[in-house]
Amino acid sequence: MKILVIDNYDSFTYNLVHALRKFEGVTVIVKRNDEIELPELNEYDKIVLSPGPGIPEEAGQMPEVIKTYAGKKPFLGVCLGHQALAESFGAKLKNMDKVLHGVATPIVQIKPSYLFKDVPETFDAGRYHSWVVEKKDLPADLEVTCEDEQGRIMAFQHKTYDMVGVQFHPESVLTPMGMKILENWINH
């Protein structure tokens, strides 16, 4: 299986790449968000949208990649990538009152998803973000699968396409079930 990781110029990207490369039979290629030739993405089986600074519209070609390959390729969006997937379907982002960087908080599953198979209903996850996807304007195409204790969206899935997003960092040491979550995505 050949996975493309779109690097949004974030130091966590290679932690994510390292985690993905631990799975047998997986080849991971990394391309920066402003160094992508859209037609070459056809050769990949799955696409990961990495964490990154800022907001999705500042992330190079990432919004264009989503628009072009939505429904054609499986996507996993992490942090900024999660926000970009949601925005691409019409969701709005909200700046949080309190920034969470390097903090583990409980995440609660509220709807079944293959992504969280064999993961406890409540699990700790590492968070590094100052923006969240607004719940009140969530498009009908997307369904929330996990929330934090304040009811903020921590994971969603598209109802039709093979697209999932997680606001937390599965590759972080602060997310003990992170490798299981990545394994579930790879094996889906």
C-alpha atoms as a PDB file:
ATOM      1  CA  MET A   1       0.000   0.000   0.000  1.00  0.00           C
ATOM      2  CA  LYS A   2       1.321   3.407  -0.993  1.00  0.00           C
ATOM      3  CA  ILE A   3       0.366   6.324   1.274  1.00  0.00           C
ATOM      4  CA  LEU A   4       0.996   9.976   0.492  1.00  0.00           C
ATOM      5  CA  VAL A   5       1.505  12.267   3.465  1.00  0.00           C
ATOM      6  CA  ILE A   6       0.994  15.910   2.598  1.00  0.00           C
ATOM      7  CA  ASP A   7       3.387  17.846   4.806  1.00  0.00           C
ATOM      8  CA  ASN A   8       1.955  21.148   5.976  1.00  0.00           C
ATOM      9  CA  TYR A   9       5.362  22.341   7.160  1.00  0.00           C
ATOM     10  CA  ASP A  10       4.902  20.959  10.657  1.00  0.00           C
ATOM     11  CA  SER A  11       7.409  19.368  13.001  1.00  0.00           C
ATOM     12  CA  PHE A  12       4.888  16.621  13.825  1.00  0.00           C
ATOM     13  CA  THR A  13       4.669  15.433  10.215  1.00  0.00           C
ATOM     14  CA  TYR A  14       7.660  13.135  10.508  1.00  0.00           C
ATOM     15  CA  ASN A  15       6.417  11.690  13.800  1.00  0.00           C
ATOM     16  CA  LEU A  16       3.292  10.706  11.874  1.00  0.00           C
ATOM     17  CA  VAL A  17       5.359   9.373   8.948  1.00  0.00           C
ATOM     18  CA  HIS A  18       7.515   7.335  11.346  1.00  0.00           C
ATOM     19  CA  ALA A  19       4.383   5.842  12.952  1.00  0.00           C
ATOM     20  CA  LEU A  20       2.869   4.919   9.572  1.00  0.00           C
ATOM     21  CA  ARG A  21       6.108   3.303   8.386  1.00  0.00           C
ATOM     22  CA  LYS A  22       5.927   0.818  11.273  1.00  0.00           C
ATOM     23  CA  PHE A  23       3.112  -1.036   9.517  1.00  0.00           C
ATOM     24  CA  GLU A  24       4.108  -3.945   7.296  1.00  0.00           C
ATOM     25  CA  GLY A  25       3.489  -3.513   3.581  1.00  0.00           C
ATOM     26  CA  VAL A  26       3.130   0.258   3.818  1.00  0.00           C
ATOM     27  CA  THR A  27       5.235   2.658   1.761  1.00  0.00           C
ATOM     28  CA  VAL A  28       4.983   6.280   2.855  1.00  0.00           C
ATOM     29  CA  ILE A  29       5.940   9.165   0.581  1.00  0.00           C
ATOM     30  CA  VAL A  30       6.022  12.763   1.845  1.00  0.00           C
ATOM     31  CA  LYS A  31       5.352  15.827  -0.281  1.00  0.00           C
ATOM     32  CA  ARG A  32       5.151  19.413   0.911  1.00  0.00           C
ATOM     33  CA  ASN A  33       1.797  21.120   0.442  1.00  0.00           C
ATOM     34  CA  ASP A  34       3.185  23.482  -2.200  1.00  0.00           C
ATOM     35  CA  GLU A  35       5.139  20.856  -4.178  1.00  0.00           C
ATOM     36  CA  ILE A  36       2.262  18.692  -5.414  1.00  0.00           C
ATOM     37  CA  GLU A  37       1.415  17.811  -8.988  1.00  0.00           C
ATOM     38  CA  LEU A  38      -2.246  16.788  -8.776  1.00  0.00           C
ATOM     39  CA  PRO A  39      -2.149  14.052 -11.487  1.00  0.00           C
ATOM     40  CA  GLU A  40       0.690  12.232  -9.685  1.00  0.00           C
ATOM     41  CA  LEU A  41      -1.603  11.634  -6.698  1.00  0.00           C
ATOM     42  CA  ASN A  42      -3.374   8.946  -8.732  1.00  0.00           C
ATOM     43  CA  GLU A  43      -0.527   6.552  -7.927  1.00  0.00           C
ATOM     44  CA  TYR A  44      -1.267   6.584  -4.173  1.00  0.00           C
ATOM     45  CA  ASP A  45      -3.740   4.330  -2.381  1.00  0.00           C
ATOM     46  CA  LYS A  46      -4.455   6.684   0.525  1.00  0.00           C
ATOM     47  CA  ILE A  47      -3.757  10.295   1.494  1.00  0.00           C
ATOM     48  CA  VAL A  48      -2.859  11.712   4.913  1.00  0.00           C
ATOM     49  CA  LEU A  49      -3.214  15.444   5.519  1.00  0.00           C
ATOM     50  CA  SER A  50      -0.677  16.352   8.189  1.00  0.00           C
ATOM     51  CA  PRO A  51      -0.858  18.752  11.096  1.00  0.00           C
ATOM     52  CA  GLY A  52       0.472  22.225  10.504  1.00  0.00           C
ATOM     53  CA  PRO A  53       0.484  25.829  11.602  1.00  0.00           C
ATOM     54  CA  GLY A  54      -2.206  28.327  10.700  1.00  0.00           C
ATOM     55  CA  ILE A  55      -5.482  27.586   8.978  1.00  0.00           C
ATOM     56  CA  PRO A  56      -6.352  25.412   5.948  1.00  0.00           C
ATOM     57  CA  GLU A  57      -6.463  28.166   3.322  1.00  0.00           C
ATOM     58  CA  GLU A  58      -2.828  28.972   4.184  1.00  0.00           C
ATOM     59  CA  ALA A  59      -1.757  25.360   3.558  1.00  0.00           C
ATOM     60  CA  GLY A  60      -0.656  25.443  -0.073  1.00  0.00           C
ATOM     61  CA  GLN A  61      -2.479  23.028  -2.367  1.00  0.00           C
ATOM     62  CA  MET A  62      -4.117  20.989   0.391  1.00  0.00           C
ATOM     63  CA  PRO A  63      -7.636  22.389  -0.223  1.00  0.00           C
ATOM     64  CA  GLU A  64      -7.237  21.673  -3.956  1.00  0.00           C
ATOM     65  CA  VAL A  65      -6.098  18.100  -3.239  1.00  0.00           C
ATOM     66  CA  ILE A  66      -9.231  17.509  -1.159  1.00  0.00           C
ATOM     67  CA  LYS A  67     -11.497  19.011  -3.806  1.00  0.00           C
ATOM     68  CA  THR A  68      -9.892  16.923  -6.568  1.00  0.00           C
ATOM     69  CA  TYR A  69      -9.717  13.564  -4.765  1.00  0.00           C
ATOM     70  CA  ALA A  70     -12.740  13.606  -2.413  1.00  0.00           C
ATOM     71  CA  GLY A  71     -14.630  10.384  -3.032  1.00  0.00           C
ATOM     72  CA  LYS A  72     -11.765   8.988  -5.118  1.00  0.00           C
ATOM     73  CA  LYS A  73      -9.137   8.333  -2.432  1.00  0.00           C
ATOM     74  CA  PRO A  74      -9.352   7.513   1.281  1.00  0.00           C
ATOM     75  CA  PHE A  75      -8.265  10.471   3.424  1.00  0.00           C
ATOM     76  CA  LEU A  76      -7.085  10.825   7.006  1.00  0.00           C
ATOM     77  CA  GLY A  77      -6.819  14.404   8.230  1.00  0.00           C
ATOM     78  CA  VAL A  78      -4.841  15.081  11.409  1.00  0.00           C
ATOM     79  CA  CYS A  79      -5.249  18.386  13.286  1.00  0.00           C
ATOM     80  CA  LEU A  80      -4.927  20.997  10.491  1.00  0.00           C
ATOM     81  CA  GLY A  81      -5.745  18.217   8.006  1.00  0.00           C
ATOM     82  CA  HIS A  82      -8.915  17.424   9.983  1.00  0.00           C
ATOM     83  CA  GLN A  83      -9.898  21.094   9.851  1.00  0.00           C
ATOM     84  CA  ALA A  84      -9.187  21.259   6.112  1.00  0.00           C
ATOM     85  CA  LEU A  85     -11.394  18.242   5.378  1.00  0.00           C
ATOM     86  CA  ALA A  86     -14.243  19.763   7.387  1.00  0.00           C
ATOM     87  CA  GLU A  87     -13.873  23.186   5.748  1.00  0.00           C
ATOM     88  CA  SER A  88     -13.832  21.640   2.287  1.00  0.00           C
ATOM     89  CA  PHE A  89     -17.410  20.446   2.895  1.00  0.00           C
ATOM     90  CA  GLY A  90     -18.578  23.785   4.286  1.00  0.00           C
ATOM     91  CA  ALA A  91     -17.761  23.603   8.001  1.00  0.00           C
ATOM     92  CA  LYS A  92     -16.516  26.667   9.863  1.00  0.00           C
ATOM     93  CA  LEU A  93     -13.571  26.886  12.239  1.00  0.00           C
ATOM     94  CA  LYS A  94     -13.576  28.551  15.635  1.00  0.00           C
ATOM     95  CA  ASN A  95     -10.579  29.934  17.507  1.00  0.00           C
ATOM     96  CA  MET A  96     -10.520  28.379  20.984  1.00  0.00           C
ATOM     97  CA  ASP A  97     -10.455  30.530  24.107  1.00  0.00           C
ATOM     98  CA  LYS A  98      -7.713  28.353  25.578  1.00  0.00           C
ATOM     99  CA  VAL A  99      -4.950  26.960  23.370  1.00  0.00           C
ATOM    100  CA  LEU A 100      -4.077  23.305  23.975  1.00  0.00           C
ATOM    101  CA  HIS A 101      -0.472  22.404  23.166  1.00  0.00           C
ATOM    102  CA  GLY A 102       1.118  19.239  24.476  1.00  0.00           C
ATOM    103  CA  VAL A 103      -1.894  18.381  26.613  1.00  0.00           C
ATOM    104  CA  ALA A 104      -3.571  14.975  26.926  1.00  0.00           C
ATOM    105  CA  THR A 105      -7.326  15.104  27.468  1.00  0.00           C
ATOM    106  CA  PRO A 106     -10.079  12.482  27.494  1.00  0.00           C
ATOM    107  CA  ILE A 107     -11.770  11.883  24.138  1.00  0.00           C
ATOM    108  CA  VAL A 108     -15.220  10.270  24.097  1.00  0.00           C
ATOM    109  CA  GLN A 109     -16.611   8.193  21.232  1.00  0.00           C
ATOM    110  CA  ILE A 110     -20.190   9.241  20.508  1.00  0.00           C
ATOM    111  CA  LYS A 111     -20.810   7.348  17.259  1.00  0.00           C
ATOM    112  CA  PRO A 112     -19.293   4.081  16.012  1.00  0.00           C
ATOM    113  CA  SER A 113     -16.507   4.376  13.457  1.00  0.00           C
ATOM    114  CA  TYR A 114     -14.101   1.833  12.000  1.00  0.00           C
ATOM    115  CA  LEU A 115     -11.339   4.242  13.037  1.00  0.00           C
ATOM    116  CA  PHE A 116     -11.960   3.486  16.716  1.00  0.00           C
ATOM    117  CA  LYS A 117     -12.477  -0.292  16.511  1.00  0.00           C
ATOM    118  CA  ASP A 118     -10.994  -1.909  19.640  1.00  0.00           C
ATOM    119  CA  VAL A 119     -10.337   1.526  21.172  1.00  0.00           C
ATOM    120  CA  PRO A 120     -11.968   2.228  24.568  1.00  0.00           C
ATOM    121  CA  GLU A 121     -15.087   4.406  24.506  1.00  0.00           C
ATOM    122  CA  THR A 122     -13.110   7.069  26.393  1.00  0.00           C
ATOM    123  CA  PHE A 123      -9.392   7.387  25.676  1.00  0.00           C
ATOM    124  CA  ASP A 124      -6.667   9.976  26.225  1.00  0.00           C
ATOM    125  CA  ALA A 125      -5.270  11.859  23.254  1.00  0.00           C
ATOM    126  CA  GLY A 126      -2.543  14.425  22.723  1.00  0.00           C
ATOM    127  CA  ARG A 127      -3.723  17.824  21.565  1.00  0.00           C
ATOM    128  CA  TYR A 128      -1.782  20.655  19.961  1.00  0.00           C
ATOM    129  CA  HIS A 129      -4.241  23.176  18.578  1.00  0.00           C
ATOM    130  CA  SER A 130      -5.934  26.541  18.924  1.00  0.00           C
ATOM    131  CA  TRP A 131      -8.757  26.015  16.384  1.00  0.00           C
ATOM    132  CA  VAL A 132     -11.679  23.572  16.318  1.00  0.00           C
ATOM    133  CA  VAL A 133     -14.362  22.697  13.795  1.00  0.00           C
ATOM    134  CA  GLU A 134     -17.620  24.435  14.767  1.00  0.00           C
ATOM    135  CA  LYS A 135     -20.293  21.928  15.712  1.00  0.00           C
ATOM    136  CA  LYS A 136     -23.284  24.209  15.081  1.00  0.00           C
ATOM    137  CA  ASP A 137     -22.527  24.626  11.367  1.00  0.00           C
ATOM    138  CA  LEU A 138     -21.359  21.091  10.643  1.00  0.00           C
ATOM    139  CA  PRO A 139     -22.474  20.082   7.127  1.00  0.00           C
ATOM    140  CA  ALA A 140     -24.932  17.192   6.799  1.00  0.00           C
ATOM    141  CA  ASP A 141     -22.277  15.161   4.903  1.00  0.00           C
ATOM    142  CA  LEU A 142     -20.153  14.909   8.052  1.00  0.00           C
ATOM    143  CA  GLU A 143     -20.915  13.102  11.294  1.00  0.00           C
ATOM    144  CA  VAL A 144     -19.136  13.571  14.596  1.00  0.00           C
ATOM    145  CA  THR A 145     -17.605  10.379  15.983  1.00  0.00           C
ATOM    146  CA  CYS A 146     -15.671  11.769  18.984  1.00  0.00           C
ATOM    147  CA  GLU A 147     -15.845  14.806  21.248  1.00  0.00           C
ATOM    148  CA  ASP A 148     -13.843  16.179  24.131  1.00  0.00           C
ATOM    149  CA  GLU A 149     -15.373  16.771  27.567  1.00  0.00           C
ATOM    150  CA  GLN A 150     -16.572  20.220  26.457  1.00  0.00           C
ATOM    151  CA  GLY A 151     -18.463  18.729  23.506  1.00  0.00           C
ATOM    152  CA  ARG A 152     -15.996  20.007  20.887  1.00  0.00           C
ATOM    153  CA  ILE A 153     -15.483  17.909  17.748  1.00  0.00           C
ATOM    154  CA  MET A 154     -12.426  15.674  18.059  1.00  0.00           C
ATOM    155  CA  ALA A 155     -13.165  13.303  15.162  1.00  0.00           C
ATOM    156  CA  PHE A 156     -15.605  12.999  12.285  1.00  0.00           C
ATOM    157  CA  GLN A 157     -16.276  10.847   9.266  1.00  0.00           C
ATOM    158  CA  HIS A 158     -17.866  11.612   5.931  1.00  0.00           C
ATOM    159  CA  LYS A 159     -21.184   9.815   5.494  1.00  0.00           C
ATOM    160  CA  THR A 160     -20.450   8.734   1.905  1.00  0.00           C
ATOM    161  CA  TYR A 161     -16.734   9.108   1.185  1.00  0.00           C
ATOM    162  CA  ASP A 162     -13.874   7.292   2.906  1.00  0.00           C
ATOM    163  CA  MET A 163     -12.696  10.414   4.712  1.00  0.00           C
ATOM    164  CA  VAL A 164     -12.002  10.750   8.419  1.00  0.00           C
ATOM    165  CA  GLY A 165     -10.502  13.523  10.489  1.00  0.00           C
ATOM    166  CA  VAL A 166      -9.045  13.654  13.983  1.00  0.00           C
ATOM    167  CA  GLN A 167      -8.310  16.903  15.788  1.00  0.00           C
ATOM    168  CA  PHE A 168      -5.899  15.157  18.166  1.00  0.00           C
ATOM    169  CA  HIS A 169      -2.518  13.655  17.256  1.00  0.00           C
ATOM    170  CA  PRO A 170      -2.583   9.837  16.993  1.00  0.00           C
ATOM    171  CA  GLU A 171       1.204   9.789  16.521  1.00  0.00           C
ATOM    172  CA  SER A 172       1.803  11.528  19.865  1.00  0.00           C
ATOM    173  CA  VAL A 173       3.121   9.695  22.917  1.00  0.00           C
ATOM    174  CA  LEU A 174       0.189  11.418  24.658  1.00  0.00           C
ATOM    175  CA  THR A 175      -2.212   9.220  22.623  1.00  0.00           C
ATOM    176  CA  PRO A 176      -1.642   5.650  23.884  1.00  0.00           C
ATOM    177  CA  MET A 177      -4.231   4.219  21.441  1.00  0.00           C
ATOM    178  CA  GLY A 178      -2.831   6.208  18.515  1.00  0.00           C
ATOM    179  CA  MET A 179      -1.126   3.297  16.768  1.00  0.00           C
ATOM    180  CA  LYS A 180      -4.354   1.278  16.953  1.00  0.00           C
ATOM    181  CA  ILE A 181      -6.251   4.184  15.378  1.00  0.00           C
ATOM    182  CA  LEU A 182      -3.679   4.433  12.564  1.00  0.00           C
ATOM    183  CA  GLU A 183      -3.781   0.648  12.097  1.00  0.00           C
ATOM    184  CA  ASN A 184      -7.580   0.765  11.785  1.00  0.00           C
ATOM    185  CA  TRP A 185      -7.294   3.441   9.087  1.00  0.00           C
ATOM    186  CA  ILE A 186      -4.618   1.549   7.159  1.00  0.00           C
ATOM    187  CA  ASN A 187      -6.562  -1.725   7.287  1.00  0.00           C
ATOM    188  CA  HIS A 188      -9.907  -0.229   6.265  1.00  0.00           C
END
